[in-house]
Amino acid sequence: MPALPSGSNWVVGGVVAAVLLPVLAIGAAMPFWGAVLISVLAGCGTVAVVAPRQPFARLDASGAARGKIEFARELLTDAEPLTGRMEAAAASIRTPKIAAHVRHLVTIARDIFAAIEKDPLRIDRVRRFLTYYLPRAAEIAEAYDLLERSTVPDAARIAATSELIDRLDVAFTRYAASLQDADLDKLDIEFKLLKSALDEDLGPASSSGAPSGQGKGRS
């Protein structure tokens, strides 16, 4: 379910309560006070269910790097609507190849969002992506749609815009790869720590891979 604008959940909750009250009081012949109570509870439940999603909600309680988490939240809050604009442009673009490219950009962007929500401390790796490349990609996708629908299409501009979309695909892919590289770097560190712990407790691994003391015959 798409995130609602801030405060919209209270409007939706109020509508639910207002609609439910006459249904229960008149349609179901329920005592008025009972209908009011149930309507209020249903409205409050709706407010909670449709409340805008807060990225990193589980991390907030930890207090770790709170400033960077807040910064990442602000960037993602600004960035998420851009993917909606790109999806709308892709749905309107007539050229299947270009529409597919734009949808691919959206897929990569959302993969990056998910990676940052998982580890907001990596936000610096994709800050330029979120604040520069993604907004420009939304503008370029919308510009292509506009050019394509022009009364007298400008072939040169359409071709140049198409080339920009292709190059943005490369840039998006590289930013996604940079986050994957960060995961691999972290994995390398974990492997080294694990190997060090095993070497300390069990001794260095033999060249054959068998634990020390095994493979000897019994007397």
C-alpha atoms as a PDB file:
ATOM      1  CA  MET A   1       0.000   0.000   0.000  1.00  0.00           C
ATOM      2  CA  PRO A   2       1.521   3.392  -0.939  1.00  0.00           C
ATOM      3  CA  ALA A   3       2.434   5.695   1.902  1.00  0.00           C
ATOM      4  CA  LEU A   4      -0.129   8.394   2.601  1.00  0.00           C
ATOM      5  CA  PRO A   5       0.817  12.053   3.030  1.00  0.00           C
ATOM      6  CA  SER A   6       1.472  13.146   6.582  1.00  0.00           C
ATOM      7  CA  GLY A   7      -1.775  13.615   8.503  1.00  0.00           C
ATOM      8  CA  SER A   8      -3.914  11.831   5.907  1.00  0.00           C
ATOM      9  CA  ASN A   9      -4.368   8.852   8.208  1.00  0.00           C
ATOM     10  CA  TRP A  10      -6.403  11.045  10.594  1.00  0.00           C
ATOM     11  CA  VAL A  11      -8.658  12.133   7.740  1.00  0.00           C
ATOM     12  CA  VAL A  12      -9.212   8.517   6.675  1.00  0.00           C
ATOM     13  CA  GLY A  13      -9.908   7.499  10.281  1.00  0.00           C
ATOM     14  CA  GLY A  14     -12.462  10.297  10.665  1.00  0.00           C
ATOM     15  CA  VAL A  15     -14.225   9.274   7.467  1.00  0.00           C
ATOM     16  CA  VAL A  16     -14.412   5.646   8.611  1.00  0.00           C
ATOM     17  CA  ALA A  17     -15.911   6.688  11.982  1.00  0.00           C
ATOM     18  CA  ALA A  18     -18.386   9.092  10.349  1.00  0.00           C
ATOM     19  CA  VAL A  19     -19.604   6.463   7.863  1.00  0.00           C
ATOM     20  CA  LEU A  20     -19.786   3.660  10.409  1.00  0.00           C
ATOM     21  CA  LEU A  21     -21.824   5.587  13.011  1.00  0.00           C
ATOM     22  CA  PRO A  22     -25.110   5.878  11.026  1.00  0.00           C
ATOM     23  CA  VAL A  23     -24.665   2.369   9.653  1.00  0.00           C
ATOM     24  CA  LEU A  24     -24.559   0.925  13.161  1.00  0.00           C
ATOM     25  CA  ALA A  25     -27.093   3.276  14.769  1.00  0.00           C
ATOM     26  CA  ILE A  26     -29.681   3.228  11.989  1.00  0.00           C
ATOM     27  CA  GLY A  27     -28.959   0.257   9.760  1.00  0.00           C
ATOM     28  CA  ALA A  28     -28.121  -2.170  12.579  1.00  0.00           C
ATOM     29  CA  ALA A  29     -30.485  -0.558  15.145  1.00  0.00           C
ATOM     30  CA  MET A  30     -27.653  -0.459  17.671  1.00  0.00           C
ATOM     31  CA  PRO A  31     -27.930   1.806  20.755  1.00  0.00           C
ATOM     32  CA  PHE A  32     -26.441   5.189  19.917  1.00  0.00           C
ATOM     33  CA  TRP A  33     -23.779   5.102  22.632  1.00  0.00           C
ATOM     34  CA  GLY A  34     -22.636   1.673  21.454  1.00  0.00           C
ATOM     35  CA  ALA A  35     -22.494   2.821  17.850  1.00  0.00           C
ATOM     36  CA  VAL A  36     -20.434   5.864  18.887  1.00  0.00           C
ATOM     37  CA  LEU A  37     -17.988   3.713  20.855  1.00  0.00           C
ATOM     38  CA  ILE A  38     -17.464   1.214  18.040  1.00  0.00           C
ATOM     39  CA  SER A  39     -17.140   3.979  15.442  1.00  0.00           C
ATOM     40  CA  VAL A  40     -14.477   5.766  17.501  1.00  0.00           C
ATOM     41  CA  LEU A  41     -12.529   2.540  18.025  1.00  0.00           C
ATOM     42  CA  ALA A  42     -12.744   1.700  14.307  1.00  0.00           C
ATOM     43  CA  GLY A  43     -11.583   5.200  13.395  1.00  0.00           C
ATOM     44  CA  CYS A  44      -8.622   5.017  15.770  1.00  0.00           C
ATOM     45  CA  GLY A  45      -7.689   1.599  14.408  1.00  0.00           C
ATOM     46  CA  THR A  46      -7.781   2.942  10.876  1.00  0.00           C
ATOM     47  CA  VAL A  47      -5.528   5.857  11.881  1.00  0.00           C
ATOM     48  CA  ALA A  48      -2.942   3.384  13.160  1.00  0.00           C
ATOM     49  CA  VAL A  49      -3.178   1.034  10.172  1.00  0.00           C
ATOM     50  CA  VAL A  50      -2.841   3.664   7.439  1.00  0.00           C
ATOM     51  CA  ALA A  51      -0.290   5.854   9.236  1.00  0.00           C
ATOM     52  CA  PRO A  52       2.573   6.848   6.915  1.00  0.00           C
ATOM     53  CA  ARG A  53       5.385   4.330   7.105  1.00  0.00           C
ATOM     54  CA  GLN A  54       8.432   5.579   9.000  1.00  0.00           C
ATOM     55  CA  PRO A  55      11.706   4.231   7.634  1.00  0.00           C
ATOM     56  CA  PHE A  56      14.143   2.894  10.230  1.00  0.00           C
ATOM     57  CA  ALA A  57      11.456   2.717  12.932  1.00  0.00           C
ATOM     58  CA  ARG A  58      13.181  -0.277  14.509  1.00  0.00           C
ATOM     59  CA  LEU A  59      16.539   1.466  14.504  1.00  0.00           C
ATOM     60  CA  ASP A  60      15.299   4.615  16.228  1.00  0.00           C
ATOM     61  CA  ALA A  61      15.089   2.901  19.597  1.00  0.00           C
ATOM     62  CA  SER A  62      18.734   1.827  19.427  1.00  0.00           C
ATOM     63  CA  GLY A  63      19.986   5.428  19.499  1.00  0.00           C
ATOM     64  CA  ALA A  64      22.906   4.431  17.250  1.00  0.00           C
ATOM     65  CA  ALA A  65      24.035   7.143  14.830  1.00  0.00           C
ATOM     66  CA  ARG A  66      20.679   8.875  15.247  1.00  0.00           C
ATOM     67  CA  GLY A  67      21.763  11.918  13.246  1.00  0.00           C
ATOM     68  CA  LYS A  68      22.678   9.845  10.200  1.00  0.00           C
ATOM     69  CA  ILE A  69      19.444   7.870  10.488  1.00  0.00           C
ATOM     70  CA  GLU A  70      17.439  11.107  10.489  1.00  0.00           C
ATOM     71  CA  PHE A  71      19.417  12.363   7.508  1.00  0.00           C
ATOM     72  CA  ALA A  72      18.765   9.125   5.608  1.00  0.00           C
ATOM     73  CA  ARG A  73      15.059   9.333   6.458  1.00  0.00           C
ATOM     74  CA  GLU A  74      14.839  12.874   5.105  1.00  0.00           C
ATOM     75  CA  LEU A  75      16.561  11.910   1.849  1.00  0.00           C
ATOM     76  CA  LEU A  76      14.355   8.861   1.315  1.00  0.00           C
ATOM     77  CA  THR A  77      11.207  10.818   2.130  1.00  0.00           C
ATOM     78  CA  ASP A  78      12.107  13.296  -0.607  1.00  0.00           C
ATOM     79  CA  ALA A  79      13.234  10.579  -3.033  1.00  0.00           C
ATOM     80  CA  GLU A  80      10.305   8.149  -2.888  1.00  0.00           C
ATOM     81  CA  PRO A  81       7.785  10.389  -4.723  1.00  0.00           C
ATOM     82  CA  LEU A  82      10.245  10.667  -7.617  1.00  0.00           C
ATOM     83  CA  THR A  83       9.856   6.983  -8.408  1.00  0.00           C
ATOM     84  CA  GLY A  84       6.101   7.526  -8.610  1.00  0.00           C
ATOM     85  CA  ARG A  85       6.644  10.271 -11.169  1.00  0.00           C
ATOM     86  CA  MET A  86       8.893   7.976 -13.177  1.00  0.00           C
ATOM     87  CA  GLU A  87       6.319   5.167 -13.106  1.00  0.00           C
ATOM     88  CA  ALA A  88       3.658   7.568 -14.348  1.00  0.00           C
ATOM     89  CA  ALA A  89       5.961   8.716 -17.165  1.00  0.00           C
ATOM     90  CA  ALA A  90       6.787   5.116 -18.101  1.00  0.00           C
ATOM     91  CA  ALA A  91       3.072   4.292 -18.318  1.00  0.00           C
ATOM     92  CA  SER A  92       2.578   7.213 -20.703  1.00  0.00           C
ATOM     93  CA  ILE A  93       5.682   6.780 -22.899  1.00  0.00           C
ATOM     94  CA  ARG A  94       4.772   5.174 -26.211  1.00  0.00           C
ATOM     95  CA  THR A  95       8.152   3.672 -27.086  1.00  0.00           C
ATOM     96  CA  PRO A  96       8.314   0.258 -25.352  1.00  0.00           C
ATOM     97  CA  LYS A  97      12.119   0.223 -25.095  1.00  0.00           C
ATOM     98  CA  ILE A  98      12.279   3.605 -23.372  1.00  0.00           C
ATOM     99  CA  ALA A  99       9.350   2.794 -21.089  1.00  0.00           C
ATOM    100  CA  ALA A 100      11.156  -0.408 -20.051  1.00  0.00           C
ATOM    101  CA  HIS A 101      14.352   1.566 -19.336  1.00  0.00           C
ATOM    102  CA  VAL A 102      12.461   3.988 -17.112  1.00  0.00           C
ATOM    103  CA  ARG A 103      10.809   1.132 -15.209  1.00  0.00           C
ATOM    104  CA  HIS A 104      14.238  -0.420 -14.740  1.00  0.00           C
ATOM    105  CA  LEU A 105      15.459   2.840 -13.215  1.00  0.00           C
ATOM    106  CA  VAL A 106      12.530   2.697 -10.790  1.00  0.00           C
ATOM    107  CA  THR A 107      13.394  -0.891  -9.838  1.00  0.00           C
ATOM    108  CA  ILE A 108      17.029   0.003  -9.147  1.00  0.00           C
ATOM    109  CA  ALA A 109      16.031   3.084  -7.162  1.00  0.00           C
ATOM    110  CA  ARG A 110      13.716   1.083  -4.934  1.00  0.00           C
ATOM    111  CA  ASP A 111      16.402  -1.559  -4.408  1.00  0.00           C
ATOM    112  CA  ILE A 112      18.683   1.237  -3.216  1.00  0.00           C
ATOM    113  CA  PHE A 113      15.947   2.571  -0.913  1.00  0.00           C
ATOM    114  CA  ALA A 114      15.574  -0.898   0.616  1.00  0.00           C
ATOM    115  CA  ALA A 115      19.327  -1.225   1.110  1.00  0.00           C
ATOM    116  CA  ILE A 116      19.531   2.138   2.881  1.00  0.00           C
ATOM    117  CA  GLU A 117      16.568   1.289   5.098  1.00  0.00           C
ATOM    118  CA  LYS A 118      18.425  -1.873   6.059  1.00  0.00           C
ATOM    119  CA  ASP A 119      21.627   0.027   6.850  1.00  0.00           C
ATOM    120  CA  PRO A 120      21.176   3.844   6.895  1.00  0.00           C
ATOM    121  CA  LEU A 121      24.818   4.331   7.878  1.00  0.00           C
ATOM    122  CA  ARG A 122      25.688   3.761   4.195  1.00  0.00           C
ATOM    123  CA  ILE A 123      23.706   6.819   3.123  1.00  0.00           C
ATOM    124  CA  ASP A 124      26.875   8.716   2.138  1.00  0.00           C
ATOM    125  CA  ARG A 125      27.523   6.195  -0.648  1.00  0.00           C
ATOM    126  CA  VAL A 126      24.282   7.135  -2.430  1.00  0.00           C
ATOM    127  CA  ARG A 127      23.761  10.726  -1.341  1.00  0.00           C
ATOM    128  CA  ARG A 128      24.534  12.093  -4.823  1.00  0.00           C
ATOM    129  CA  PHE A 129      22.257   9.466  -6.353  1.00  0.00           C
ATOM    130  CA  LEU A 130      19.325  10.497  -4.165  1.00  0.00           C
ATOM    131  CA  THR A 131      19.825  14.253  -4.372  1.00  0.00           C
ATOM    132  CA  TYR A 132      20.963  14.657  -7.984  1.00  0.00           C
ATOM    133  CA  TYR A 133      20.624  11.673 -10.311  1.00  0.00           C
ATOM    134  CA  LEU A 134      17.190  10.506  -9.169  1.00  0.00           C
ATOM    135  CA  PRO A 135      15.510  13.938  -9.477  1.00  0.00           C
ATOM    136  CA  ARG A 136      17.115  14.424 -12.890  1.00  0.00           C
ATOM    137  CA  ALA A 137      15.941  10.977 -13.981  1.00  0.00           C
ATOM    138  CA  ALA A 138      12.344  11.882 -13.100  1.00  0.00           C
ATOM    139  CA  GLU A 139      12.652  15.113 -15.078  1.00  0.00           C
ATOM    140  CA  ILE A 140      14.193  13.359 -18.090  1.00  0.00           C
ATOM    141  CA  ALA A 141      11.523  10.645 -18.130  1.00  0.00           C
ATOM    142  CA  GLU A 142       8.784  13.280 -18.067  1.00  0.00           C
ATOM    143  CA  ALA A 143      10.597  15.299 -20.726  1.00  0.00           C
ATOM    144  CA  TYR A 144      10.764  12.275 -23.036  1.00  0.00           C
ATOM    145  CA  ASP A 145       7.038  11.712 -22.630  1.00  0.00           C
ATOM    146  CA  LEU A 146       6.399  15.387 -23.434  1.00  0.00           C
ATOM    147  CA  LEU A 147       8.681  15.345 -26.488  1.00  0.00           C
ATOM    148  CA  GLU A 148       7.100  12.167 -27.779  1.00  0.00           C
ATOM    149  CA  ARG A 149       3.621  13.688 -27.572  1.00  0.00           C
ATOM    150  CA  SER A 150       4.587  16.971 -29.204  1.00  0.00           C
ATOM    151  CA  THR A 151       2.557  18.001 -32.247  1.00  0.00           C
ATOM    152  CA  VAL A 152       5.783  18.142 -34.245  1.00  0.00           C
ATOM    153  CA  PRO A 153       8.190  15.679 -32.559  1.00  0.00           C
ATOM    154  CA  ASP A 154      11.814  16.845 -32.493  1.00  0.00           C
ATOM    155  CA  ALA A 155      13.763  13.738 -33.522  1.00  0.00           C
ATOM    156  CA  ALA A 156      17.103  15.143 -32.398  1.00  0.00           C
ATOM    157  CA  ARG A 157      15.872  16.020 -28.922  1.00  0.00           C
ATOM    158  CA  ILE A 158      14.106  12.675 -28.574  1.00  0.00           C
ATOM    159  CA  ALA A 159      17.311  10.847 -29.510  1.00  0.00           C
ATOM    160  CA  ALA A 160      19.393  12.947 -27.092  1.00  0.00           C
ATOM    161  CA  THR A 161      16.902  12.338 -24.267  1.00  0.00           C
ATOM    162  CA  SER A 162      16.875   8.623 -25.017  1.00  0.00           C
ATOM    163  CA  GLU A 163      20.672   8.574 -24.765  1.00  0.00           C
ATOM    164  CA  LEU A 164      20.508  10.314 -21.385  1.00  0.00           C
ATOM    165  CA  ILE A 165      18.088   7.684 -20.114  1.00  0.00           C
ATOM    166  CA  ASP A 166      20.501   4.952 -21.232  1.00  0.00           C
ATOM    167  CA  ARG A 167      23.375   6.639 -19.414  1.00  0.00           C
ATOM    168  CA  LEU A 168      21.272   7.140 -16.287  1.00  0.00           C
ATOM    169  CA  ASP A 169      20.669   3.385 -16.300  1.00  0.00           C
ATOM    170  CA  VAL A 170      24.439   2.866 -16.132  1.00  0.00           C
ATOM    171  CA  ALA A 171      24.797   5.405 -13.313  1.00  0.00           C
ATOM    172  CA  PHE A 172      21.936   3.870 -11.312  1.00  0.00           C
ATOM    173  CA  THR A 173      23.455   0.408 -11.706  1.00  0.00           C
ATOM    174  CA  ARG A 174      26.839   1.633 -10.466  1.00  0.00           C
ATOM    175  CA  TYR A 175      25.331   3.183  -7.352  1.00  0.00           C
ATOM    176  CA  ALA A 176      23.476  -0.048  -6.606  1.00  0.00           C
ATOM    177  CA  ALA A 177      26.738  -1.947  -7.081  1.00  0.00           C
ATOM    178  CA  SER A 178      28.511   0.382  -4.653  1.00  0.00           C
ATOM    179  CA  LEU A 179      26.084  -0.695  -1.937  1.00  0.00           C
ATOM    180  CA  GLN A 180      26.640  -4.337  -2.843  1.00  0.00           C
ATOM    181  CA  ASP A 181      30.400  -3.759  -2.593  1.00  0.00           C
ATOM    182  CA  ALA A 182      29.835  -2.392   0.906  1.00  0.00           C
ATOM    183  CA  ASP A 183      28.025  -5.619   1.820  1.00  0.00           C
ATOM    184  CA  LEU A 184      30.913  -7.680   0.435  1.00  0.00           C
ATOM    185  CA  ASP A 185      33.468  -5.593   2.334  1.00  0.00           C
ATOM    186  CA  LYS A 186      31.512  -6.173   5.535  1.00  0.00           C
ATOM    187  CA  LEU A 187      31.365  -9.904   4.750  1.00  0.00           C
ATOM    188  CA  ASP A 188      35.145 -10.013   4.233  1.00  0.00           C
ATOM    189  CA  ILE A 189      35.670  -8.425   7.647  1.00  0.00           C
ATOM    190  CA  GLU A 190      33.311 -10.919   9.272  1.00  0.00           C
ATOM    191  CA  PHE A 191      35.148 -13.805   7.592  1.00  0.00           C
ATOM    192  CA  LYS A 192      38.490 -12.529   8.859  1.00  0.00           C
ATOM    193  CA  LEU A 193      37.179 -12.155  12.401  1.00  0.00           C
ATOM    194  CA  LEU A 194      35.658 -15.632  12.305  1.00  0.00           C
ATOM    195  CA  LYS A 195      38.882 -17.169  10.951  1.00  0.00           C
ATOM    196  CA  SER A 196      40.893 -15.393  13.648  1.00  0.00           C
ATOM    197  CA  ALA A 197      38.577 -16.739  16.360  1.00  0.00           C
ATOM    198  CA  LEU A 198      38.727 -20.275  14.954  1.00  0.00           C
ATOM    199  CA  ASP A 199      42.534 -20.146  14.664  1.00  0.00           C
ATOM    200  CA  GLU A 200      42.748 -18.971  18.267  1.00  0.00           C
ATOM    201  CA  ASP A 201      40.457 -21.694  19.617  1.00  0.00           C
ATOM    202  CA  LEU A 202      41.323 -24.608  17.319  1.00  0.00           C
ATOM    203  CA  GLY A 203      44.708 -23.690  15.923  1.00  0.00           C
ATOM    204  CA  PRO A 204      45.477 -22.773  12.315  1.00  0.00           C
ATOM    205  CA  ALA A 205      43.827 -24.982   9.720  1.00  0.00           C
ATOM    206  CA  SER A 206      46.129 -27.600   8.209  1.00  0.00           C
ATOM    207  CA  SER A 207      46.815 -27.601   4.503  1.00  0.00           C
ATOM    208  CA  SER A 208      44.679 -30.740   4.105  1.00  0.00           C
ATOM    209  CA  GLY A 209      41.782 -29.097   5.876  1.00  0.00           C
ATOM    210  CA  ALA A 210      41.643 -31.792   8.583  1.00  0.00           C
ATOM    211  CA  PRO A 211      41.579 -30.593  12.232  1.00  0.00           C
ATOM    212  CA  SER A 212      44.791 -30.998  14.173  1.00  0.00           C
ATOM    213  CA  GLY A 213      45.130 -34.455  15.704  1.00  0.00           C
ATOM    214  CA  GLN A 214      42.724 -36.211  13.312  1.00  0.00           C
ATOM    215  CA  GLY A 215      43.666 -38.727  10.653  1.00  0.00           C
ATOM    216  CA  LYS A 216      46.212 -40.521  12.885  1.00  0.00           C
ATOM    217  CA  GLY A 217      45.948 -44.277  13.287  1.00  0.00           C
ATOM    218  CA  ARG A 218      45.275 -45.810  16.697  1.00  0.00           C
ATOM    219  CA  SER A 219      48.042 -47.718  18.432  1.00  0.00           C
END
